[in-house]
C-alpha atoms as a PDB file:
ATOM      1  CA  UNK A   1     127.832 -94.665-109.557  1.00  0.00           C
ATOM      2  CA  UNK A   2     124.901 -95.222-111.612  1.00  0.00           C
ATOM      3  CA  UNK A   3     121.895 -92.530-111.787  1.00  0.00           C
ATOM      4  CA  UNK A   4     119.327 -93.773-109.401  1.00  0.00           C
ATOM      5  CA  UNK A   5     122.504 -94.502-106.347  1.00  0.00           C
ATOM      6  CA  UNK A   6     123.019 -90.641-107.460  1.00  0.00           C
ATOM      7  CA  UNK A   7     119.063 -89.766-106.833  1.00  0.00           C
ATOM      8  CA  UNK A   8     119.818 -92.065-103.815  1.00  0.00           C
ATOM      9  CA  UNK A   9     122.284 -90.107-102.218  1.00  0.00           C
ATOM     10  CA  UNK A  10     121.209 -86.497-103.017  1.00  0.00           C
ATOM     11  CA  UNK A  11     118.266 -87.023-100.812  1.00  0.00           C
ATOM     12  CA  UNK A  12     120.443 -88.721 -98.083  1.00  0.00           C
ATOM     13  CA  UNK A  13     122.606 -85.843 -98.293  1.00  0.00           C
ATOM     14  CA  UNK A  14     120.680 -83.682 -98.353  1.00  0.00           C
ATOM     15  CA  UNK A  15     119.457 -84.926 -94.386  1.00  0.00           C
ATOM     16  CA  UNK A  16     122.164 -83.637 -92.686  1.00  0.00           C
ATOM     17  CA  UNK A  17     122.419 -80.388 -94.525  1.00  0.00           C
ATOM     18  CA  UNK A  18     119.522 -79.637 -93.507  1.00  0.00           C
ATOM     19  CA  UNK A  19     120.013 -80.739 -90.145  1.00  0.00           C
ATOM     20  CA  UNK A  20     122.990 -78.217 -89.311  1.00  0.00           C
ATOM     21  CA  UNK A  21     121.317 -75.368 -91.161  1.00  0.00           C
ATOM     22  CA  UNK A  22     117.957 -75.820 -89.548  1.00  0.00           C
ATOM     23  CA  UNK A  23     120.169 -76.453 -85.712  1.00  0.00           C
ATOM     24  CA  UNK A  24     122.231 -73.176 -86.481  1.00  0.00           C
ATOM     25  CA  UNK A  25     119.306 -70.914 -87.948  1.00  0.00           C
ATOM     26  CA  UNK A  26     116.798 -71.475 -85.592  1.00  0.00           C
ATOM     27  CA  UNK A  27     117.435 -73.681 -82.384  1.00  0.00           C
ATOM     28  CA  UNK A  28     116.915 -72.425 -78.990  1.00  0.00           C
ATOM     29  CA  UNK A  29     120.863 -74.498 -78.193  1.00  0.00           C
ATOM     30  CA  UNK A  30     122.263 -72.163 -80.610  1.00  0.00           C
ATOM     31  CA  UNK A  31     119.631 -68.717 -79.557  1.00  0.00           C
ATOM     32  CA  UNK A  32     122.883 -66.773 -77.871  1.00  0.00           C
ATOM     33  CA  UNK A  33     124.833 -67.126 -80.638  1.00  0.00           C
ATOM     34  CA  UNK A  34     122.364 -66.571 -83.183  1.00  0.00           C
ATOM     35  CA  UNK A  35     120.815 -63.262 -81.555  1.00  0.00           C
ATOM     36  CA  UNK A  36     125.031 -62.526 -81.432  1.00  0.00           C
ATOM     37  CA  UNK A  37     124.797 -62.661 -84.853  1.00  0.00           C
ATOM     38  CA  UNK A  38     121.468 -60.707 -85.938  1.00  0.00           C
ATOM     39  CA  UNK A  39     122.898 -58.127 -83.977  1.00  0.00           C
ATOM     40  CA  UNK A  40     125.786 -58.164 -86.071  1.00  0.00           C
ATOM     41  CA  UNK A  41     124.136 -57.612 -89.129  1.00  0.00           C
ATOM     42  CA  UNK A  42     122.408 -54.742 -88.265  1.00  0.00           C
ATOM     43  CA  UNK A  43     125.033 -52.980 -86.595  1.00  0.00           C
ATOM     44  CA  UNK A  44     128.067 -53.809 -88.476  1.00  0.00           C
ATOM     45  CA  UNK A  45     129.540 -50.697 -89.997  1.00  0.00           C
ATOM     46  CA  UNK A  46     131.268 -52.688 -93.409  1.00  0.00           C
ATOM     47  CA  UNK A  47     129.605 -54.812 -95.982  1.00  0.00           C
ATOM     48  CA  UNK A  48     130.904 -57.532 -95.818  1.00  0.00           C
ATOM     49  CA  UNK A  49     130.871 -57.613 -92.287  1.00  0.00           C
ATOM     50  CA  UNK A  50     126.829 -57.607 -92.028  1.00  0.00           C
ATOM     51  CA  UNK A  51     126.769 -60.176 -94.725  1.00  0.00           C
ATOM     52  CA  UNK A  52     129.313 -62.281 -92.940  1.00  0.00           C
ATOM     53  CA  UNK A  53     127.067 -62.719 -89.722  1.00  0.00           C
ATOM     54  CA  UNK A  54     123.781 -62.731 -91.646  1.00  0.00           C
ATOM     55  CA  UNK A  55     124.935 -66.201 -93.236  1.00  0.00           C
ATOM     56  CA  UNK A  56     124.203 -67.597 -89.273  1.00  0.00           C
ATOM     57  CA  UNK A  57     120.859 -66.114 -89.580  1.00  0.00           C
ATOM     58  CA  UNK A  58     119.743 -67.707 -92.938  1.00  0.00           C
ATOM     59  CA  UNK A  59     118.638 -71.105 -93.165  1.00  0.00           C
ATOM     60  CA  UNK A  60     118.504 -70.944 -97.446  1.00  0.00           C
ATOM     61  CA  UNK A  61     122.018 -68.956 -97.287  1.00  0.00           C
ATOM     62  CA  UNK A  62     123.937 -71.295 -94.818  1.00  0.00           C
ATOM     63  CA  UNK A  63     122.566 -74.350 -96.621  1.00  0.00           C
ATOM     64  CA  UNK A  64     124.978 -73.278 -99.463  1.00  0.00           C
ATOM     65  CA  UNK A  65     127.907 -73.503 -97.176  1.00  0.00           C
ATOM     66  CA  UNK A  66     127.223 -76.599 -95.229  1.00  0.00           C
ATOM     67  CA  UNK A  67     126.674 -78.207 -98.286  1.00  0.00           C
ATOM     68  CA  UNK A  68     129.963 -77.114 -99.699  1.00  0.00           C
ATOM     69  CA  UNK A  69     131.944 -78.579 -96.467  1.00  0.00           C
ATOM     70  CA  UNK A  70     129.304 -81.811 -97.035  1.00  0.00           C
ATOM     71  CA  UNK A  71     130.806 -81.848-101.456  1.00  0.00           C
ATOM     72  CA  UNK A  72     134.802 -81.806-100.421  1.00  0.00           C
ATOM     73  CA  UNK A  73     134.453 -84.513 -97.387  1.00  0.00           C
ATOM     74  CA  UNK A  74     131.705 -86.887 -99.200  1.00  0.00           C
ATOM     75  CA  UNK A  75     133.468 -86.177-103.341  1.00  0.00           C
ATOM     76  CA  UNK A  76     129.792 -86.570-104.198  1.00  0.00           C
ATOM     77  CA  UNK A  77     129.281 -85.791-107.877  1.00  0.00           C
ATOM     78  CA  UNK A  78     125.902 -85.572-109.296  1.00  0.00           C
ATOM     79  CA  UNK A  79     125.585 -86.065-113.676  1.00  0.00           C
ATOM     80  CA  UNK A  80     128.230 -85.966-114.185  1.00  0.00           C
ATOM     81  CA  UNK A  81     132.090 -87.652-113.719  1.00  0.00           C
ATOM     82  CA  UNK A  82     133.995 -84.004-113.364  1.00  0.00           C
ATOM     83  CA  UNK A  83     133.612 -80.160-111.736  1.00  0.00           C
ATOM     84  CA  UNK A  84     130.185 -80.337-113.502  1.00  0.00           C
ATOM     85  CA  UNK A  85     129.285 -82.866-111.471  1.00  0.00           C
ATOM     86  CA  UNK A  86     130.222 -80.304-108.028  1.00  0.00           C
ATOM     87  CA  UNK A  87     128.025 -77.763-109.282  1.00  0.00           C
ATOM     88  CA  UNK A  88     124.820 -79.545-109.966  1.00  0.00           C
ATOM     89  CA  UNK A  89     125.094 -81.717-106.771  1.00  0.00           C
ATOM     90  CA  UNK A  90     125.348 -78.479-105.334  1.00  0.00           C
ATOM     91  CA  UNK A  91     122.782 -76.095-106.371  1.00  0.00           C
ATOM     92  CA  UNK A  92     120.628 -79.360-105.809  1.00  0.00           C
ATOM     93  CA  UNK A  93     121.595 -80.295-102.298  1.00  0.00           C
ATOM     94  CA  UNK A  94     121.027 -76.852-101.059  1.00  0.00           C
ATOM     95  CA  UNK A  95     117.731 -76.807-103.385  1.00  0.00           C
ATOM     96  CA  UNK A  96     116.692 -80.246-101.647  1.00  0.00           C
ATOM     97  CA  UNK A  97     118.103 -79.447 -98.185  1.00  0.00           C
ATOM     98  CA  UNK A  98     115.769 -76.587 -98.073  1.00  0.00           C
ATOM     99  CA  UNK A  99     112.981 -78.851 -99.105  1.00  0.00           C
ATOM    100  CA  UNK A 100     113.411 -80.994 -96.173  1.00  0.00           C
ATOM    101  CA  UNK A 101     113.893 -77.031 -94.123  1.00  0.00           C
ATOM    102  CA  UNK A 102     110.428 -76.072 -95.063  1.00  0.00           C
ATOM    103  CA  UNK A 103     108.931 -79.598 -94.465  1.00  0.00           C
ATOM    104  CA  UNK A 104     110.260 -79.160 -90.982  1.00  0.00           C
ATOM    105  CA  UNK A 105     109.248 -75.605 -90.159  1.00  0.00           C
ATOM    106  CA  UNK A 106     105.747 -76.042 -91.128  1.00  0.00           C
ATOM    107  CA  UNK A 107     105.258 -79.196 -89.032  1.00  0.00           C
ATOM    108  CA  UNK A 108     106.424 -77.498 -86.326  1.00  0.00           C
ATOM    109  CA  UNK A 109     104.431 -74.798 -86.888  1.00  0.00           C
ATOM    110  CA  UNK A 110     101.738 -76.794 -87.134  1.00  0.00           C
ATOM    111  CA  UNK A 111     102.936 -78.653 -83.413  1.00  0.00           C
ATOM    112  CA  UNK A 112     103.291 -75.193 -82.126  1.00  0.00           C
ATOM    113  CA  UNK A 113      99.864 -74.350 -83.054  1.00  0.00           C
ATOM    114  CA  UNK A 114      98.513 -77.336 -81.518  1.00  0.00           C
ATOM    115  CA  UNK A 115      99.969 -77.268 -77.993  1.00  0.00           C
ATOM    116  CA  UNK A 116      98.711 -73.360 -77.732  1.00  0.00           C
ATOM    117  CA  UNK A 117      94.924 -74.780 -78.372  1.00  0.00           C
ATOM    118  CA  UNK A 118      95.277 -77.007 -76.293  1.00  0.00           C
ATOM    119  CA  UNK A 119      96.946 -74.593 -73.512  1.00  0.00           C
ATOM    120  CA  UNK A 120      93.282 -72.121 -74.618  1.00  0.00           C
ATOM    121  CA  UNK A 121      91.063 -74.983 -73.912  1.00  0.00           C
ATOM    122  CA  UNK A 122      92.718 -76.085 -70.747  1.00  0.00           C
ATOM    123  CA  UNK A 123      92.955 -72.341 -69.779  1.00  0.00           C
ATOM    124  CA  UNK A 124      89.119 -72.280 -70.156  1.00  0.00           C
ATOM    125  CA  UNK A 125      87.975 -75.594 -68.352  1.00  0.00           C
ATOM    126  CA  UNK A 126      90.066 -74.156 -65.235  1.00  0.00           C
ATOM    127  CA  UNK A 127      88.451 -70.817 -65.257  1.00  0.00           C
ATOM    128  CA  UNK A 128      85.147 -72.709 -65.579  1.00  0.00           C
ATOM    129  CA  UNK A 129      85.644 -74.915 -62.799  1.00  0.00           C
END
């Protein structure tokens, strides 16, 4: 596979990785599961149990495991055709996926800020009537 195709795969494969990691660690659809994991990550006695449950609350941490699954499924390698290619691909995919999640988080924050400002102005207009 050519290097340009490998780079294209890098940016494309990072999309579903970031989507899965973000959904599990942030979205409302899995809030109860995440709340359970947060509580367990603070109250479990054994450190390995706390770290296991923390994994589901941190998009950066979780993206490493999602990436590992995607590497197994796709057998994607970057730069080298052996185990080194998996290693480089893994860390590269995590980095790009987290870049995507950072951009997505910033966009969502800006949208939420705009919604709050609009609601505030609407409330002011209602009081002015």
